Amino acid sequence: MARTPSNMLPLGTKAPDFNILDTVSDKLKSLNQLEGDTGTLVAFICNHCPFVIHINATLVKLANDYQKKGINFIAISSNDVEHYPQDGPDLMKVHANKLNYAFPYLYDETQNVAKAYDAACTPDFFLFDKDRSLVYRGQMDDSRPGNGIVNDGQDLKHAMNCLIENKVNNRLQKPSIGCNIKWK
């Protein structure tokens, strides 16, 4: 299991737009269509990564809680499906339905979206405000597979609460750790 950290895109960076396949609806979706009224969380994930499998239940819970508060969630898989067929769009749809993803699960076939966001690993989280300015990037929390720390999403929850309450997040933003994105 590789342990690749986030690249930590500079805060204030504007969210790059995209128009890629939502594997659940089988329709192209853009950031314009999916962004939230208060903010937008873009999460780079995939089906097979043990780090993503570890956080999936918490990700779904957070989406169910925070989308009601105006923060929309968007999941994107950018992995090379030729070498990692378990991350292909058909299986992404099955995976999203099985886990009850309450958010779109987009397929970045060209990997251009991952490159535009400077995504490095799965999971990799980017929280943008309503003006598409980056206010948080990095980990969900300190939990990792096998480290015994409860996966409660505390870092991500704190960042989203700060955004909702219009407060500055002064906490240290730690890089996410996960499997590297499988580049072509």
C-alpha atoms as a PDB file:
ATOM      1  CA  MET A   1       0.000   0.000   0.000  1.00  0.00           C
ATOM      2  CA  ALA A   2       1.672   3.228  -1.184  1.00  0.00           C
ATOM      3  CA  ARG A   3       1.616   6.224   1.159  1.00  0.00           C
ATOM      4  CA  THR A   4       1.474   9.272  -1.100  1.00  0.00           C
ATOM      5  CA  PRO A   5       0.722  12.714   0.440  1.00  0.00           C
ATOM      6  CA  SER A   6      -1.402  15.515  -1.007  1.00  0.00           C
ATOM      7  CA  ASN A   7       0.371  18.264  -2.921  1.00  0.00           C
ATOM      8  CA  MET A   8      -1.403  20.956  -0.829  1.00  0.00           C
ATOM      9  CA  LEU A   9      -2.590  23.364  -3.522  1.00  0.00           C
ATOM     10  CA  PRO A  10      -2.298  26.993  -2.278  1.00  0.00           C
ATOM     11  CA  LEU A  11      -5.326  28.300  -0.377  1.00  0.00           C
ATOM     12  CA  GLY A  12      -7.297  30.796  -2.446  1.00  0.00           C
ATOM     13  CA  THR A  13      -6.738  28.825  -5.666  1.00  0.00           C
ATOM     14  CA  LYS A  14      -9.847  28.918  -7.864  1.00  0.00           C
ATOM     15  CA  ALA A  15     -11.574  25.607  -8.581  1.00  0.00           C
ATOM     16  CA  PRO A  16     -10.880  24.501 -12.142  1.00  0.00           C
ATOM     17  CA  ASP A  17     -14.030  23.768 -14.115  1.00  0.00           C
ATOM     18  CA  PHE A  18     -14.654  20.413 -15.743  1.00  0.00           C
ATOM     19  CA  ASN A  19     -17.274  18.562 -17.769  1.00  0.00           C
ATOM     20  CA  ILE A  20     -16.869  14.800 -17.317  1.00  0.00           C
ATOM     21  CA  LEU A  21     -18.965  11.652 -17.063  1.00  0.00           C
ATOM     22  CA  ASP A  22     -21.054  11.019 -13.960  1.00  0.00           C
ATOM     23  CA  THR A  23     -20.981   7.226 -13.833  1.00  0.00           C
ATOM     24  CA  VAL A  24     -24.222   7.061 -11.818  1.00  0.00           C
ATOM     25  CA  SER A  25     -26.422   9.095 -14.184  1.00  0.00           C
ATOM     26  CA  ASP A  26     -24.389   8.341 -17.351  1.00  0.00           C
ATOM     27  CA  LYS A  27     -24.428  12.077 -18.159  1.00  0.00           C
ATOM     28  CA  LEU A  28     -21.703  14.667 -18.478  1.00  0.00           C
ATOM     29  CA  LYS A  29     -21.579  16.929 -15.429  1.00  0.00           C
ATOM     30  CA  SER A  30     -19.768  20.209 -14.904  1.00  0.00           C
ATOM     31  CA  LEU A  31     -18.648  22.019 -11.783  1.00  0.00           C
ATOM     32  CA  ASN A  32     -21.241  24.699 -12.639  1.00  0.00           C
ATOM     33  CA  GLN A  33     -24.010  22.098 -12.398  1.00  0.00           C
ATOM     34  CA  LEU A  34     -22.756  20.475  -9.210  1.00  0.00           C
ATOM     35  CA  GLU A  35     -21.403  23.245  -6.982  1.00  0.00           C
ATOM     36  CA  GLY A  36     -23.154  24.016  -3.692  1.00  0.00           C
ATOM     37  CA  ASP A  37     -24.711  27.252  -2.492  1.00  0.00           C
ATOM     38  CA  THR A  38     -22.282  27.506   0.437  1.00  0.00           C
ATOM     39  CA  GLY A  39     -19.374  25.473  -0.858  1.00  0.00           C
ATOM     40  CA  THR A  40     -18.189  22.455  -2.780  1.00  0.00           C
ATOM     41  CA  LEU A  41     -16.064  19.517  -1.692  1.00  0.00           C
ATOM     42  CA  VAL A  42     -14.162  17.818  -4.507  1.00  0.00           C
ATOM     43  CA  ALA A  43     -12.808  14.424  -3.450  1.00  0.00           C
ATOM     44  CA  PHE A  44     -10.459  12.354  -5.585  1.00  0.00           C
ATOM     45  CA  ILE A  45     -11.183   8.721  -4.760  1.00  0.00           C
ATOM     46  CA  CYS A  46     -11.314   5.332  -6.469  1.00  0.00           C
ATOM     47  CA  ASN A  47     -12.861   1.909  -5.915  1.00  0.00           C
ATOM     48  CA  HIS A  48      -9.861  -0.185  -4.896  1.00  0.00           C
ATOM     49  CA  CYS A  49      -7.642   1.976  -2.679  1.00  0.00           C
ATOM     50  CA  PRO A  50      -7.507   0.716   0.948  1.00  0.00           C
ATOM     51  CA  PHE A  51      -7.311   4.325   2.195  1.00  0.00           C
ATOM     52  CA  VAL A  52     -10.563   5.184   0.375  1.00  0.00           C
ATOM     53  CA  ILE A  53     -12.244   1.955   1.495  1.00  0.00           C
ATOM     54  CA  HIS A  54     -11.284   2.957   5.048  1.00  0.00           C
ATOM     55  CA  ILE A  55     -13.058   6.361   4.819  1.00  0.00           C
ATOM     56  CA  ASN A  56     -16.035   5.509   2.560  1.00  0.00           C
ATOM     57  CA  ALA A  57     -18.670   5.188   5.312  1.00  0.00           C
ATOM     58  CA  THR A  58     -17.606   8.487   6.893  1.00  0.00           C
ATOM     59  CA  LEU A  59     -17.550  10.201   3.500  1.00  0.00           C
ATOM     60  CA  VAL A  60     -21.148   9.111   2.864  1.00  0.00           C
ATOM     61  CA  LYS A  61     -22.215  10.253   6.351  1.00  0.00           C
ATOM     62  CA  LEU A  62     -20.546  13.647   5.916  1.00  0.00           C
ATOM     63  CA  ALA A  63     -22.168  14.087   2.499  1.00  0.00           C
ATOM     64  CA  ASN A  64     -25.588  13.247   3.922  1.00  0.00           C
ATOM     65  CA  ASP A  65     -25.073  15.764   6.756  1.00  0.00           C
ATOM     66  CA  TYR A  66     -23.363  18.647   4.968  1.00  0.00           C
ATOM     67  CA  GLN A  67     -25.184  18.667   1.633  1.00  0.00           C
ATOM     68  CA  LYS A  68     -28.271  19.714   3.650  1.00  0.00           C
ATOM     69  CA  LYS A  69     -26.169  22.687   4.801  1.00  0.00           C
ATOM     70  CA  GLY A  70     -25.278  23.831   1.280  1.00  0.00           C
ATOM     71  CA  ILE A  71     -21.943  22.075   0.737  1.00  0.00           C
ATOM     72  CA  ASN A  72     -22.204  19.766  -2.264  1.00  0.00           C
ATOM     73  CA  PHE A  73     -19.887  16.786  -2.583  1.00  0.00           C
ATOM     74  CA  ILE A  74     -18.313  15.625  -5.848  1.00  0.00           C
ATOM     75  CA  ALA A  75     -16.216  12.456  -6.094  1.00  0.00           C
ATOM     76  CA  ILE A  76     -13.836  11.949  -9.009  1.00  0.00           C
ATOM     77  CA  SER A  77     -11.793   8.922 -10.020  1.00  0.00           C
ATOM     78  CA  SER A  78      -8.858   9.650 -12.299  1.00  0.00           C
ATOM     79  CA  ASN A  79      -7.061   6.301 -12.246  1.00  0.00           C
ATOM     80  CA  ASP A  80      -5.724   4.604 -15.363  1.00  0.00           C
ATOM     81  CA  VAL A  81      -8.385   1.944 -15.978  1.00  0.00           C
ATOM     82  CA  GLU A  82      -6.277   0.060 -18.505  1.00  0.00           C
ATOM     83  CA  HIS A  83      -3.971  -1.034 -15.682  1.00  0.00           C
ATOM     84  CA  TYR A  84      -6.605  -0.773 -12.904  1.00  0.00           C
ATOM     85  CA  PRO A  85      -9.835  -2.034 -14.493  1.00  0.00           C
ATOM     86  CA  GLN A  86     -11.539  -2.259 -11.082  1.00  0.00           C
ATOM     87  CA  ASP A  87     -11.682   1.566 -11.197  1.00  0.00           C
ATOM     88  CA  GLY A  88     -13.493   1.702 -14.558  1.00  0.00           C
ATOM     89  CA  PRO A  89     -16.759   3.613 -15.026  1.00  0.00           C
ATOM     90  CA  ASP A  90     -19.049   0.552 -15.016  1.00  0.00           C
ATOM     91  CA  LEU A  91     -17.640  -0.643 -11.714  1.00  0.00           C
ATOM     92  CA  MET A  92     -17.657   2.918 -10.345  1.00  0.00           C
ATOM     93  CA  LYS A  93     -21.428   2.975 -10.891  1.00  0.00           C
ATOM     94  CA  VAL A  94     -21.838  -0.379  -9.121  1.00  0.00           C
ATOM     95  CA  HIS A  95     -19.609   0.834  -6.284  1.00  0.00           C
ATOM     96  CA  ALA A  96     -21.499   4.126  -5.866  1.00  0.00           C
ATOM     97  CA  ASN A  97     -24.858   2.364  -5.768  1.00  0.00           C
ATOM     98  CA  LYS A  98     -23.643  -0.317  -3.350  1.00  0.00           C
ATOM     99  CA  LEU A  99     -22.248   2.270  -0.920  1.00  0.00           C
ATOM    100  CA  ASN A 100     -25.209   4.664  -1.341  1.00  0.00           C
ATOM    101  CA  TYR A 101     -23.085   7.579  -2.494  1.00  0.00           C
ATOM    102  CA  ALA A 102     -25.220  10.675  -2.029  1.00  0.00           C
ATOM    103  CA  PHE A 103     -23.097  12.547  -4.555  1.00  0.00           C
ATOM    104  CA  PRO A 104     -21.982  12.172  -8.174  1.00  0.00           C
ATOM    105  CA  TYR A 105     -19.055   9.856  -8.884  1.00  0.00           C
ATOM    106  CA  LEU A 106     -17.281  11.254 -11.925  1.00  0.00           C
ATOM    107  CA  TYR A 107     -14.824   9.552 -14.248  1.00  0.00           C
ATOM    108  CA  ASP A 108     -11.804  11.632 -15.298  1.00  0.00           C
ATOM    109  CA  GLU A 109     -10.778   9.551 -18.316  1.00  0.00           C
ATOM    110  CA  THR A 110      -8.125  11.973 -19.598  1.00  0.00           C
ATOM    111  CA  GLN A 111      -6.775  12.679 -16.090  1.00  0.00           C
ATOM    112  CA  ASN A 112      -6.894  16.379 -16.973  1.00  0.00           C
ATOM    113  CA  VAL A 113      -9.124  17.200 -13.988  1.00  0.00           C
ATOM    114  CA  ALA A 114      -6.734  15.551 -11.519  1.00  0.00           C
ATOM    115  CA  LYS A 115      -3.855  17.469 -13.100  1.00  0.00           C
ATOM    116  CA  ALA A 116      -5.782  20.772 -12.944  1.00  0.00           C
ATOM    117  CA  TYR A 117      -6.435  20.227  -9.210  1.00  0.00           C
ATOM    118  CA  ASP A 118      -2.880  18.967  -8.628  1.00  0.00           C
ATOM    119  CA  ALA A 119      -4.407  15.868  -7.026  1.00  0.00           C
ATOM    120  CA  ALA A 120      -1.830  13.316  -5.944  1.00  0.00           C
ATOM    121  CA  CYS A 121      -3.534  10.577  -3.977  1.00  0.00           C
ATOM    122  CA  THR A 122      -6.767   8.851  -3.087  1.00  0.00           C
ATOM    123  CA  PRO A 123      -8.401  10.192  -1.071  1.00  0.00           C
ATOM    124  CA  ASP A 124      -7.504  13.822  -1.737  1.00  0.00           C
ATOM    125  CA  PHE A 125      -9.941  16.534  -0.572  1.00  0.00           C
ATOM    126  CA  PHE A 126     -10.446  20.104  -1.822  1.00  0.00           C
ATOM    127  CA  LEU A 127     -13.046  22.390  -0.182  1.00  0.00           C
ATOM    128  CA  PHE A 128     -14.064  25.534  -2.056  1.00  0.00           C
ATOM    129  CA  ASP A 129     -16.269  28.399  -0.901  1.00  0.00           C
ATOM    130  CA  LYS A 130     -19.230  29.746  -2.889  1.00  0.00           C
ATOM    131  CA  ASP A 131     -16.816  31.877  -4.946  1.00  0.00           C
ATOM    132  CA  ARG A 132     -14.785  28.751  -5.839  1.00  0.00           C
ATOM    133  CA  SER A 133     -11.802  29.796  -3.726  1.00  0.00           C
ATOM    134  CA  LEU A 134      -9.953  26.973  -1.995  1.00  0.00           C
ATOM    135  CA  VAL A 135     -10.406  27.153   1.776  1.00  0.00           C
ATOM    136  CA  TYR A 136      -9.233  23.644   2.741  1.00  0.00           C
ATOM    137  CA  ARG A 137      -7.184  20.852   1.237  1.00  0.00           C
ATOM    138  CA  GLY A 138      -5.763  17.746   2.748  1.00  0.00           C
ATOM    139  CA  GLN A 139      -6.905  14.951   5.012  1.00  0.00           C
ATOM    140  CA  MET A 140     -10.286  13.906   6.353  1.00  0.00           C
ATOM    141  CA  ASP A 141      -8.707  13.161   9.755  1.00  0.00           C
ATOM    142  CA  ASP A 142      -5.681  11.395  11.286  1.00  0.00           C
ATOM    143  CA  SER A 143      -7.158   7.909  10.797  1.00  0.00           C
ATOM    144  CA  ARG A 144      -5.462   5.510   8.382  1.00  0.00           C
ATOM    145  CA  PRO A 145      -6.028   1.804   7.749  1.00  0.00           C
ATOM    146  CA  GLY A 146      -4.639  -0.110  10.710  1.00  0.00           C
ATOM    147  CA  ASN A 147      -3.506   2.849  12.870  1.00  0.00           C
ATOM    148  CA  GLY A 148      -6.300   2.412  15.441  1.00  0.00           C
ATOM    149  CA  ILE A 149      -7.531   6.015  15.205  1.00  0.00           C
ATOM    150  CA  VAL A 150     -11.286   6.380  14.721  1.00  0.00           C
ATOM    151  CA  ASN A 151     -12.292   7.730  11.304  1.00  0.00           C
ATOM    152  CA  ASP A 152     -14.594  10.588  12.350  1.00  0.00           C
ATOM    153  CA  GLY A 153     -13.753  13.170   9.673  1.00  0.00           C
ATOM    154  CA  GLN A 154     -12.814  15.793  12.260  1.00  0.00           C
ATOM    155  CA  ASP A 155     -10.442  17.859  10.074  1.00  0.00           C
ATOM    156  CA  LEU A 156     -12.856  17.994   7.171  1.00  0.00           C
ATOM    157  CA  LYS A 157     -15.856  18.645   9.456  1.00  0.00           C
ATOM    158  CA  HIS A 158     -14.015  21.518  11.125  1.00  0.00           C
ATOM    159  CA  ALA A 159     -13.192  23.062   7.738  1.00  0.00           C
ATOM    160  CA  MET A 160     -16.793  22.733   6.530  1.00  0.00           C
ATOM    161  CA  ASN A 161     -18.151  24.158   9.788  1.00  0.00           C
ATOM    162  CA  CYS A 162     -15.801  27.147   9.487  1.00  0.00           C
ATOM    163  CA  LEU A 163     -17.054  27.706   5.939  1.00  0.00           C
ATOM    164  CA  ILE A 164     -20.717  27.485   6.975  1.00  0.00           C
ATOM    165  CA  GLU A 165     -20.148  29.813   9.967  1.00  0.00           C
ATOM    166  CA  ASN A 166     -18.058  32.225   7.858  1.00  0.00           C
ATOM    167  CA  LYS A 167     -15.068  31.778  10.183  1.00  0.00           C
ATOM    168  CA  VAL A 168     -11.393  31.526   9.300  1.00  0.00           C
ATOM    169  CA  ASN A 169     -10.013  28.014   9.718  1.00  0.00           C
ATOM    170  CA  ASN A 170      -6.824  28.557  11.712  1.00  0.00           C
ATOM    171  CA  ARG A 171      -6.105  24.857  12.262  1.00  0.00           C
ATOM    172  CA  LEU A 172      -3.075  23.306  10.644  1.00  0.00           C
ATOM    173  CA  GLN A 173      -4.147  21.695   7.374  1.00  0.00           C
ATOM    174  CA  LYS A 174      -2.429  18.329   7.067  1.00  0.00           C
ATOM    175  CA  PRO A 175      -1.898  16.533   3.764  1.00  0.00           C
ATOM    176  CA  SER A 176      -4.059  13.559   3.019  1.00  0.00           C
ATOM    177  CA  ILE A 177      -2.203  10.272   2.745  1.00  0.00           C
ATOM    178  CA  GLY A 178      -3.295   7.544   0.360  1.00  0.00           C
ATOM    179  CA  CYS A 179      -2.543   5.553  -2.740  1.00  0.00           C
ATOM    180  CA  ASN A 180      -1.031   7.580  -5.558  1.00  0.00           C
ATOM    181  CA  ILE A 181      -3.288   8.379  -8.474  1.00  0.00           C
ATOM    182  CA  LYS A 182      -2.565   5.749 -11.110  1.00  0.00           C
ATOM    183  CA  TRP A 183      -1.255   7.887 -13.950  1.00  0.00           C
ATOM    184  CA  LYS A 184      -1.253   6.700 -17.553  1.00  0.00           C
END
